[in-house]
PDB file of N, CA and C in Angstrom:
ATOM      1  N   MET A   1     100.387  95.488 101.366  1.00  0.00           N
ATOM      2  CA  MET A   1     100.755  96.676 100.630  1.00  0.00           C
ATOM      3  C   MET A   1      99.921  96.714  99.351  1.00  0.00           C
ATOM      4  N   LEU A   2      99.452  97.884  99.012  1.00  0.00           N
ATOM      5  CA  LEU A   2      98.635  98.062  97.815  1.00  0.00           C
ATOM      6  C   LEU A   2      99.515  98.169  96.579  1.00  0.00           C
ATOM      7  N   SER A   3      98.972  97.806  95.434  1.00  0.00           N
ATOM      8  CA  SER A   3      99.731  97.914  94.202  1.00  0.00           C
ATOM      9  C   SER A   3      99.927  99.381  93.841  1.00  0.00           C
ATOM     10  N   ALA A   4     100.944  99.666  93.043  1.00  0.00           N
ATOM     11  CA  ALA A   4     101.245 101.035  92.637  1.00  0.00           C
ATOM     12  C   ALA A   4     100.021 101.665  91.990  1.00  0.00           C
ATOM     13  N   GLY A   5      99.803 102.932  92.277  1.00  0.00           N
ATOM     14  CA  GLY A   5      98.683 103.640  91.686  1.00  0.00           C
ATOM     15  C   GLY A   5      97.391 103.534  92.476  1.00  0.00           C
ATOM     16  N   PHE A   6      97.372 102.726  93.521  1.00  0.00           N
ATOM     17  CA  PHE A   6      96.171 102.598  94.336  1.00  0.00           C
ATOM     18  C   PHE A   6      96.510 102.886  95.790  1.00  0.00           C
ATOM     19  N   ALA A   7      95.583 103.428  96.486  1.00  0.00           N
ATOM     20  CA  ALA A   7      95.736 103.674  97.919  1.00  0.00           C
ATOM     21  C   ALA A   7      94.389 103.441  98.579  1.00  0.00           C
ATOM     22  N   LEU A   8      94.417 103.198  99.840  1.00  0.00           N
ATOM     23  CA  LEU A   8      93.183 103.017 100.581  1.00  0.00           C
ATOM     24  C   LEU A   8      92.630 104.397 100.901  1.00  0.00           C
ATOM     25  N   LEU A   9      91.546 104.754 100.257  1.00  0.00           N
ATOM     26  CA  LEU A   9      90.969 106.076 100.448  1.00  0.00           C
ATOM     27  C   LEU A   9      89.619 105.948 101.128  1.00  0.00           C
ATOM     28  N   CYS A  10      89.328 106.850 101.986  1.00  0.00           N
ATOM     29  CA  CYS A  10      88.019 106.886 102.618  1.00  0.00           C
ATOM     30  C   CYS A  10      87.045 107.533 101.651  1.00  0.00           C
ATOM     31  N   VAL A  11      85.892 106.953 101.541  1.00  0.00           N
ATOM     32  CA  VAL A  11      84.855 107.532 100.692  1.00  0.00           C
ATOM     33  C   VAL A  11      84.319 108.769 101.394  1.00  0.00           C
ATOM     34  N   MET A  12      84.239 109.861 100.653  1.00  0.00           N
ATOM     35  CA  MET A  12      83.768 111.106 101.225  1.00  0.00           C
ATOM     36  C   MET A  12      82.491 111.528 100.527  1.00  0.00           C
ATOM     37  N   ARG A  13      81.491 111.819 101.277  1.00  0.00           N
ATOM     38  CA  ARG A  13      80.231 112.273 100.716  1.00  0.00           C
ATOM     39  C   ARG A  13      79.969 113.669 101.234  1.00  0.00           C
ATOM     40  N   GLU A  14      79.460 114.534 100.364  1.00  0.00           N
ATOM     41  CA  GLU A  14      79.246 115.920 100.740  1.00  0.00           C
ATOM     42  C   GLU A  14      78.219 116.085 101.842  1.00  0.00           C
ATOM     43  N   ASP A  15      77.236 115.197 101.927  1.00  0.00           N
ATOM     44  CA  ASP A  15      76.155 115.364 102.889  1.00  0.00           C
ATOM     45  C   ASP A  15      76.496 114.855 104.286  1.00  0.00           C
ATOM     46  N   ARG A  16      77.623 114.225 104.463  1.00  0.00           N
ATOM     47  CA  ARG A  16      78.025 113.765 105.789  1.00  0.00           C
ATOM     48  C   ARG A  16      79.524 113.523 105.812  1.00  0.00           C
ATOM     49  N   LYS A  17      80.033 113.228 107.011  1.00  0.00           N
ATOM     50  CA  LYS A  17      81.460 112.966 107.141  1.00  0.00           C
ATOM     51  C   LYS A  17      81.827 111.658 106.456  1.00  0.00           C
ATOM     52  N   MET A  18      83.123 111.430 106.322  1.00  0.00           N
ATOM     53  CA  MET A  18      83.619 110.194 105.731  1.00  0.00           C
ATOM     54  C   MET A  18      83.038 109.027 106.507  1.00  0.00           C
ATOM     55  N   ASN A  19      82.649 107.969 105.784  1.00  0.00           N
ATOM     56  CA  ASN A  19      81.955 106.916 106.505  1.00  0.00           C
ATOM     57  C   ASN A  19      82.381 105.493 106.170  1.00  0.00           C
ATOM     58  N   GLU A  20      83.262 105.270 105.203  1.00  0.00           N
ATOM     59  CA  GLU A  20      83.654 103.903 104.894  1.00  0.00           C
ATOM     60  C   GLU A  20      84.914 103.897 104.031  1.00  0.00           C
ATOM     61  N   TYR A  21      85.514 102.721 103.917  1.00  0.00           N
ATOM     62  CA  TYR A  21      86.690 102.562 103.058  1.00  0.00           C
ATOM     63  C   TYR A  21      86.283 102.038 101.682  1.00  0.00           C
ATOM     64  N   GLU A  22      87.036 102.436 100.704  1.00  0.00           N
ATOM     65  CA  GLU A  22      86.841 101.870  99.377  1.00  0.00           C
ATOM     66  C   GLU A  22      88.177 101.938  98.651  1.00  0.00           C
ATOM     67  N   MET A  23      88.495 100.881  97.898  1.00  0.00           N
ATOM     68  CA  MET A  23      89.725 100.909  97.112  1.00  0.00           C
ATOM     69  C   MET A  23      89.457 101.686  95.829  1.00  0.00           C
ATOM     70  N   ILE A  24      90.138 102.796  95.679  1.00  0.00           N
ATOM     71  CA  ILE A  24      90.030 103.598  94.458  1.00  0.00           C
ATOM     72  C   ILE A  24      91.414 104.122  94.120  1.00  0.00           C
ATOM     73  N   GLU A  25      91.536 104.722  92.956  1.00  0.00           N
ATOM     74  CA  GLU A  25      92.834 105.251  92.542  1.00  0.00           C
ATOM     75  C   GLU A  25      93.282 106.367  93.468  1.00  0.00           C
ATOM     76  N   THR A  26      94.587 106.476  93.642  1.00  0.00           N
ATOM     77  CA  THR A  26      95.171 107.555  94.411  1.00  0.00           C
ATOM     78  C   THR A  26      94.738 108.878  93.801  1.00  0.00           C
ATOM     79  N   PRO A  27      94.486 109.909  94.621  1.00  0.00           N
ATOM     80  CA  PRO A  27      94.119 111.209  94.044  1.00  0.00           C
ATOM     81  C   PRO A  27      95.122 111.612  92.965  1.00  0.00           C
ATOM     82  N   PRO A  28      94.637 112.248  91.901  1.00  0.00           N
ATOM     83  CA  PRO A  28      95.508 112.552  90.772  1.00  0.00           C
ATOM     84  C   PRO A  28      96.595 113.580  91.066  1.00  0.00           C
ATOM     85  N   SER A  29      96.448 114.319  92.162  1.00  0.00           N
ATOM     86  CA  SER A  29      97.460 115.319  92.480  1.00  0.00           C
ATOM     87  C   SER A  29      97.500 115.556  93.983  1.00  0.00           C
ATOM     88  N   ILE A  30      98.570 116.171  94.421  1.00  0.00           N
ATOM     89  CA  ILE A  30      98.665 116.567  95.825  1.00  0.00           C
ATOM     90  C   ILE A  30      97.580 117.592  96.132  1.00  0.00           C
ATOM     91  N   ASP A  31      97.282 118.453  95.171  1.00  0.00           N
ATOM     92  CA  ASP A  31      96.232 119.458  95.367  1.00  0.00           C
ATOM     93  C   ASP A  31      94.910 118.802  95.754  1.00  0.00           C
ATOM     94  N   VAL A  32      94.525 117.749  95.057  1.00  0.00           N
ATOM     95  CA  VAL A  32      93.264 117.061  95.348  1.00  0.00           C
ATOM     96  C   VAL A  32      93.319 116.434  96.741  1.00  0.00           C
ATOM     97  N   ALA A  33      94.423 115.809  97.089  1.00  0.00           N
ATOM     98  CA  ALA A  33      94.560 115.201  98.411  1.00  0.00           C
ATOM     99  C   ALA A  33      94.443 116.260  99.501  1.00  0.00           C
ATOM    100  N   ILE A  34      95.052 117.419  99.298  1.00  0.00           N
ATOM    101  CA  ILE A  34      94.992 118.495 100.290  1.00  0.00           C
ATOM    102  C   ILE A  34      93.585 119.078 100.371  1.00  0.00           C
ATOM    103  N   GLU A  35      92.924 119.254  99.232  1.00  0.00           N
ATOM    104  CA  GLU A  35      91.553 119.769  99.242  1.00  0.00           C
ATOM    105  C   GLU A  35      90.617 118.824 100.002  1.00  0.00           C
ATOM    106  N   ARG A  36      90.778 117.507  99.811  1.00  0.00           N
ATOM    107  CA  ARG A  36      89.963 116.530 100.543  1.00  0.00           C
ATOM    108  C   ARG A  36      90.224 116.640 102.045  1.00  0.00           C
ATOM    109  N   ALA A  37      91.494 116.756 102.395  1.00  0.00           N
ATOM    110  CA  ALA A  37      91.842 116.875 103.814  1.00  0.00           C
ATOM    111  C   ALA A  37      91.245 118.146 104.407  1.00  0.00           C
ATOM    112  N   ALA A  38      91.338 119.248 103.686  1.00  0.00           N
ATOM    113  CA  ALA A  38      90.797 120.510 104.183  1.00  0.00           C
ATOM    114  C   ALA A  38      89.283 120.434 104.370  1.00  0.00           C
ATOM    115  N   GLN A  39      88.617 119.689 103.525  1.00  0.00           N
ATOM    116  CA  GLN A  39      87.164 119.564 103.605  1.00  0.00           C
ATOM    117  C   GLN A  39      86.721 118.623 104.714  1.00  0.00           C
ATOM    118  N   HIS A  40      87.473 117.551 104.963  1.00  0.00           N
ATOM    119  CA  HIS A  40      87.006 116.492 105.856  1.00  0.00           C
ATOM    120  C   HIS A  40      87.804 116.332 107.141  1.00  0.00           C
ATOM    121  N   LEU A  41      88.832 117.138 107.365  1.00  0.00           N
ATOM    122  CA  LEU A  41      89.619 117.027 108.597  1.00  0.00           C
ATOM    123  C   LEU A  41      88.791 117.543 109.774  1.00  0.00           C
ATOM    124  N   PRO A  42      88.659 116.760 110.833  1.00  0.00           N
ATOM    125  CA  PRO A  42      87.875 117.207 111.989  1.00  0.00           C
ATOM    126  C   PRO A  42      88.484 118.448 112.644  1.00  0.00           C
ATOM    127  N   ASP A  43      87.618 119.227 113.307  1.00  0.00           N
ATOM    128  CA  ASP A  43      88.091 120.407 114.023  1.00  0.00           C
ATOM    129  C   ASP A  43      89.181 120.032 115.014  1.00  0.00           C
ATOM    130  N   GLY A  44      90.209 120.842 115.085  1.00  0.00           N
ATOM    131  CA  GLY A  44      91.293 120.625 116.032  1.00  0.00           C
ATOM    132  C   GLY A  44      92.409 119.742 115.520  1.00  0.00           C
ATOM    133  N   CYS A  45      92.206 119.048 114.403  1.00  0.00           N
ATOM    134  CA  CYS A  45      93.242 118.188 113.823  1.00  0.00           C
ATOM    135  C   CYS A  45      94.058 118.972 112.804  1.00  0.00           C
ATOM    136  N   THR A  46      95.321 118.619 112.697  1.00  0.00           N
ATOM    137  CA  THR A  46      96.218 119.275 111.752  1.00  0.00           C
ATOM    138  C   THR A  46      97.072 118.230 111.049  1.00  0.00           C
ATOM    139  N   ILE A  47      97.189 118.345 109.738  1.00  0.00           N
ATOM    140  CA  ILE A  47      98.130 117.524 108.967  1.00  0.00           C
ATOM    141  C   ILE A  47      99.271 118.439 108.562  1.00  0.00           C
ATOM    142  N   THR A  48     100.487 118.041 108.879  1.00  0.00           N
ATOM    143  CA  THR A  48     101.674 118.836 108.575  1.00  0.00           C
ATOM    144  C   THR A  48     102.559 118.075 107.605  1.00  0.00           C
ATOM    145  N   ILE A  49     103.032 118.763 106.580  1.00  0.00           N
ATOM    146  CA  ILE A  49     103.980 118.178 105.630  1.00  0.00           C
ATOM    147  C   ILE A  49     105.315 118.885 105.841  1.00  0.00           C
ATOM    148  N   GLU A  50     106.328 118.115 106.209  1.00  0.00           N
ATOM    149  CA  GLU A  50     107.671 118.650 106.434  1.00  0.00           C
ATOM    150  C   GLU A  50     108.578 118.151 105.333  1.00  0.00           C
ATOM    151  N   VAL A  51     109.290 119.069 104.702  1.00  0.00           N
ATOM    152  CA  VAL A  51     110.220 118.705 103.632  1.00  0.00           C
ATOM    153  C   VAL A  51     111.619 119.131 104.054  1.00  0.00           C
ATOM    154  N   GLU A  52     112.562 118.209 103.907  1.00  0.00           N
ATOM    155  CA  GLU A  52     113.955 118.511 104.221  1.00  0.00           C
ATOM    156  C   GLU A  52     114.842 117.835 103.183  1.00  0.00           C
ATOM    157  N   HIS A  53     116.085 118.176 103.195  1.00  0.00           N
ATOM    158  CA  HIS A  53     117.016 117.553 102.258  1.00  0.00           C
ATOM    159  C   HIS A  53     116.981 116.039 102.457  1.00  0.00           C
ATOM    160  N   GLY A  54     116.673 115.319 101.399  1.00  0.00           N
ATOM    161  CA  GLY A  54     116.684 113.867 101.450  1.00  0.00           C
ATOM    162  C   GLY A  54     115.360 113.214 101.783  1.00  0.00           C
ATOM    163  N   GLY A  55     114.314 113.999 102.026  1.00  0.00           N
ATOM    164  CA  GLY A  55     113.047 113.337 102.325  1.00  0.00           C
ATOM    165  C   GLY A  55     111.958 114.278 102.807  1.00  0.00           C
ATOM    166  N   TYR A  56     110.856 113.669 103.213  1.00  0.00           N
ATOM    167  CA  TYR A  56     109.711 114.424 103.727  1.00  0.00           C
ATOM    168  C   TYR A  56     109.006 113.588 104.777  1.00  0.00           C
ATOM    169  N   ASN A  57     108.116 114.225 105.501  1.00  0.00           N
ATOM    170  CA  ASN A  57     107.319 113.547 106.518  1.00  0.00           C
ATOM    171  C   ASN A  57     105.926 114.154 106.524  1.00  0.00           C
ATOM    172  N   VAL A  58     104.922 113.309 106.652  1.00  0.00           N
ATOM    173  CA  VAL A  58     103.550 113.756 106.853  1.00  0.00           C
ATOM    174  C   VAL A  58     103.191 113.379 108.282  1.00  0.00           C
ATOM    175  N   ALA A  59     102.712 114.363 109.045  1.00  0.00           N
ATOM    176  CA  ALA A  59     102.390 114.135 110.454  1.00  0.00           C
ATOM    177  C   ALA A  59     100.967 114.574 110.740  1.00  0.00           C
ATOM    178  N   LEU A  60     100.343 113.892 111.688  1.00  0.00           N
ATOM    179  CA  LEU A  60      98.983 114.196 112.113  1.00  0.00           C
ATOM    180  C   LEU A  60      98.994 114.578 113.579  1.00  0.00           C
ATOM    181  N   SER A  61      98.352 115.713 113.888  1.00  0.00           N
ATOM    182  CA  SER A  61      98.142 116.130 115.276  1.00  0.00           C
ATOM    183  C   SER A  61      96.646 116.094 115.538  1.00  0.00           C
ATOM    184  N   THR A  62      96.275 115.439 116.636  1.00  0.00           N
ATOM    185  CA  THR A  62      94.860 115.366 117.010  1.00  0.00           C
ATOM    186  C   THR A  62      94.721 115.813 118.461  1.00  0.00           C
ATOM    187  N   PRO A  63      93.651 116.545 118.768  1.00  0.00           N
ATOM    188  CA  PRO A  63      93.503 117.037 120.133  1.00  0.00           C
ATOM    189  C   PRO A  63      93.304 115.918 121.165  1.00  0.00           C
ATOM    190  N   ASP A  64      92.673 114.812 120.784  1.00  0.00           N
ATOM    191  CA  ASP A  64      92.425 113.731 121.738  1.00  0.00           C
ATOM    192  C   ASP A  64      93.681 112.938 122.073  1.00  0.00           C
ATOM    193  N   ARG A  65      94.648 112.907 121.167  1.00  0.00           N
ATOM    194  CA  ARG A  65      95.891 112.167 121.434  1.00  0.00           C
ATOM    195  C   ARG A  65      96.940 113.057 122.082  1.00  0.00           C
ATOM    196  N   GLY A  66      96.828 114.356 121.882  1.00  0.00           N
ATOM    197  CA  GLY A  66      97.745 115.293 122.511  1.00  0.00           C
ATOM    198  C   GLY A  66      99.168 115.232 121.997  1.00  0.00           C
ATOM    199  N   SER A  67      99.367 114.597 120.870  1.00  0.00           N
ATOM    200  CA  SER A  67     100.710 114.517 120.317  1.00  0.00           C
ATOM    201  C   SER A  67     100.641 114.449 118.794  1.00  0.00           C
ATOM    202  N   THR A  68     101.795 114.550 118.175  1.00  0.00           N
ATOM    203  CA  THR A  68     101.908 114.460 116.727  1.00  0.00           C
ATOM    204  C   THR A  68     102.501 113.107 116.374  1.00  0.00           C
ATOM    205  N   GLN A  69     101.962 112.481 115.323  1.00  0.00           N
ATOM    206  CA  GLN A  69     102.473 111.183 114.896  1.00  0.00           C
ATOM    207  C   GLN A  69     102.778 111.213 113.408  1.00  0.00           C
ATOM    208  N   SER A  70     103.848 110.563 113.017  1.00  0.00           N
ATOM    209  CA  SER A  70     104.166 110.422 111.601  1.00  0.00           C
ATOM    210  C   SER A  70     103.210 109.425 110.977  1.00  0.00           C
ATOM    211  N   VAL A  71     102.859 109.659 109.712  1.00  0.00           N
ATOM    212  CA  VAL A  71     101.893 108.823 109.004  1.00  0.00           C
ATOM    213  C   VAL A  71     102.528 108.312 107.718  1.00  0.00           C
ATOM    214  N   ASP A  72     102.355 107.012 107.444  1.00  0.00           N
ATOM    215  CA  ASP A  72     102.858 106.423 106.208  1.00  0.00           C
ATOM    216  C   ASP A  72     101.730 105.656 105.533  1.00  0.00           C
ATOM    217  N   GLY A  73     101.219 106.229 104.426  1.00  0.00           N
ATOM    218  CA  GLY A  73     100.134 105.586 103.687  1.00  0.00           C
ATOM    219  C   GLY A  73     100.614 104.505 102.744  1.00  0.00           C
ATOM    220  N   GLY A  74     101.923 104.407 102.537  1.00  0.00           N
ATOM    221  CA  GLY A  74     102.486 103.323 101.759  1.00  0.00           C
ATOM    222  C   GLY A  74     102.656 103.562 100.273  1.00  0.00           C
ATOM    223  N   ASP A  75     102.151 104.690  99.750  1.00  0.00           N
ATOM    224  CA  ASP A  75     102.231 104.907  98.303  1.00  0.00           C
ATOM    225  C   ASP A  75     102.482 106.382  97.972  1.00  0.00           C
ATOM    226  N   GLY A  76     103.378 107.004  98.690  1.00  0.00           N
ATOM    227  CA  GLY A  76     103.738 108.390  98.395  1.00  0.00           C
ATOM    228  C   GLY A  76     102.952 109.404  99.209  1.00  0.00           C
ATOM    229  N   ILE A  77     103.249 110.654  98.959  1.00  0.00           N
ATOM    230  CA  ILE A  77     102.703 111.744  99.770  1.00  0.00           C
ATOM    231  C   ILE A  77     101.186 111.846  99.679  1.00  0.00           C
ATOM    232  N   ARG A  78     100.610 111.564  98.515  1.00  0.00           N
ATOM    233  CA  ARG A  78      99.150 111.638  98.392  1.00  0.00           C
ATOM    234  C   ARG A  78      98.464 110.619  99.293  1.00  0.00           C
ATOM    235  N   SER A  79      98.977 109.409  99.335  1.00  0.00           N
ATOM    236  CA  SER A  79      98.368 108.395 100.203  1.00  0.00           C
ATOM    237  C   SER A  79      98.692 108.665 101.673  1.00  0.00           C
ATOM    238  N   ASP A  80      99.833 109.289 101.957  1.00  0.00           N
ATOM    239  CA  ASP A  80     100.157 109.664 103.333  1.00  0.00           C
ATOM    240  C   ASP A  80      99.135 110.672 103.863  1.00  0.00           C
ATOM    241  N   ILE A  81      98.819 111.676 103.048  1.00  0.00           N
ATOM    242  CA  ILE A  81      97.827 112.685 103.436  1.00  0.00           C
ATOM    243  C   ILE A  81      96.477 112.016 103.660  1.00  0.00           C
ATOM    244  N   ASN A  82      96.084 111.149 102.748  1.00  0.00           N
ATOM    245  CA  ASN A  82      94.795 110.466 102.877  1.00  0.00           C
ATOM    246  C   ASN A  82      94.753 109.555 104.101  1.00  0.00           C
ATOM    247  N   HIS A  83      95.854 108.862 104.362  1.00  0.00           N
ATOM    248  CA  HIS A  83      95.903 107.980 105.530  1.00  0.00           C
ATOM    249  C   HIS A  83      95.753 108.786 106.817  1.00  0.00           C
ATOM    250  N   ALA A  84      96.400 109.942 106.881  1.00  0.00           N
ATOM    251  CA  ALA A  84      96.260 110.828 108.043  1.00  0.00           C
ATOM    252  C   ALA A  84      94.800 111.247 108.212  1.00  0.00           C
ATOM    253  N   LEU A  85      94.146 111.538 107.107  1.00  0.00           N
ATOM    254  CA  LEU A  85      92.741 111.923 107.134  1.00  0.00           C
ATOM    255  C   LEU A  85      91.868 110.776 107.656  1.00  0.00           C
ATOM    256  N   CYS A  86      92.152 109.558 107.225  1.00  0.00           N
ATOM    257  CA  CYS A  86      91.416 108.388 107.702  1.00  0.00           C
ATOM    258  C   CYS A  86      91.613 108.187 109.203  1.00  0.00           C
ATOM    259  N   ILE A  87      92.835 108.350 109.683  1.00  0.00           N
ATOM    260  CA  ILE A  87      93.111 108.213 111.125  1.00  0.00           C
ATOM    261  C   ILE A  87      92.345 109.293 111.897  1.00  0.00           C
ATOM    262  N   ALA A  88      92.407 110.525 111.415  1.00  0.00           N
ATOM    263  CA  ALA A  88      91.742 111.640 112.101  1.00  0.00           C
ATOM    264  C   ALA A  88      90.239 111.431 112.206  1.00  0.00           C
ATOM    265  N   ASN A  89      89.655 110.775 111.216  1.00  0.00           N
ATOM    266  CA  ASN A  89      88.213 110.526 111.219  1.00  0.00           C
ATOM    267  C   ASN A  89      87.845 109.199 111.872  1.00  0.00           C
ATOM    268  N   GLY A  90      88.832 108.477 112.422  1.00  0.00           N
ATOM    269  CA  GLY A  90      88.542 107.258 113.159  1.00  0.00           C
ATOM    270  C   GLY A  90      88.338 106.020 112.324  1.00  0.00           C
ATOM    271  N   PHE A  91      88.727 106.053 111.031  1.00  0.00           N
ATOM    272  CA  PHE A  91      88.560 104.885 110.168  1.00  0.00           C
ATOM    273  C   PHE A  91      89.786 103.987 110.141  1.00  0.00           C
ATOM    274  N   ASP A  92      90.843 104.390 110.784  1.00  0.00           N
ATOM    275  CA  ASP A  92      92.054 103.592 110.804  1.00  0.00           C
ATOM    276  C   ASP A  92      92.799 103.923 112.081  1.00  0.00           C
ATOM    277  N   ASP A  93      93.515 102.946 112.624  1.00  0.00           N
ATOM    278  CA  ASP A  93      94.344 103.168 113.800  1.00  0.00           C
ATOM    279  C   ASP A  93      95.710 103.628 113.352  1.00  0.00           C
ATOM    280  N   ALA A  94      96.363 104.295 114.248  1.00  0.00           N
ATOM    281  CA  ALA A  94      97.714 104.780 113.945  1.00  0.00           C
ATOM    282  C   ALA A  94      98.710 103.665 114.080  1.00  0.00           C
TER     283      ALA A  94
END
């Protein structure tokens, strides 16, 4: 488990798709995490955030798996979104 304030984020470069892991600070806001996902999520993949009384869930749908899976990045919703993005790009297993 990572220490508070840090999450495993995939390094994203504008000239190509995500290509490696690097330990850096968690995105400063949910907006930044969502913008990264929107920019780097592969075609056909969807990240869904469900909010209900008492909690929330971040789920990833990928066309190759044919199903939706819950994702837990270990450090709140921002890391959950990023972890889903890493799985979608093949840098992490579900």
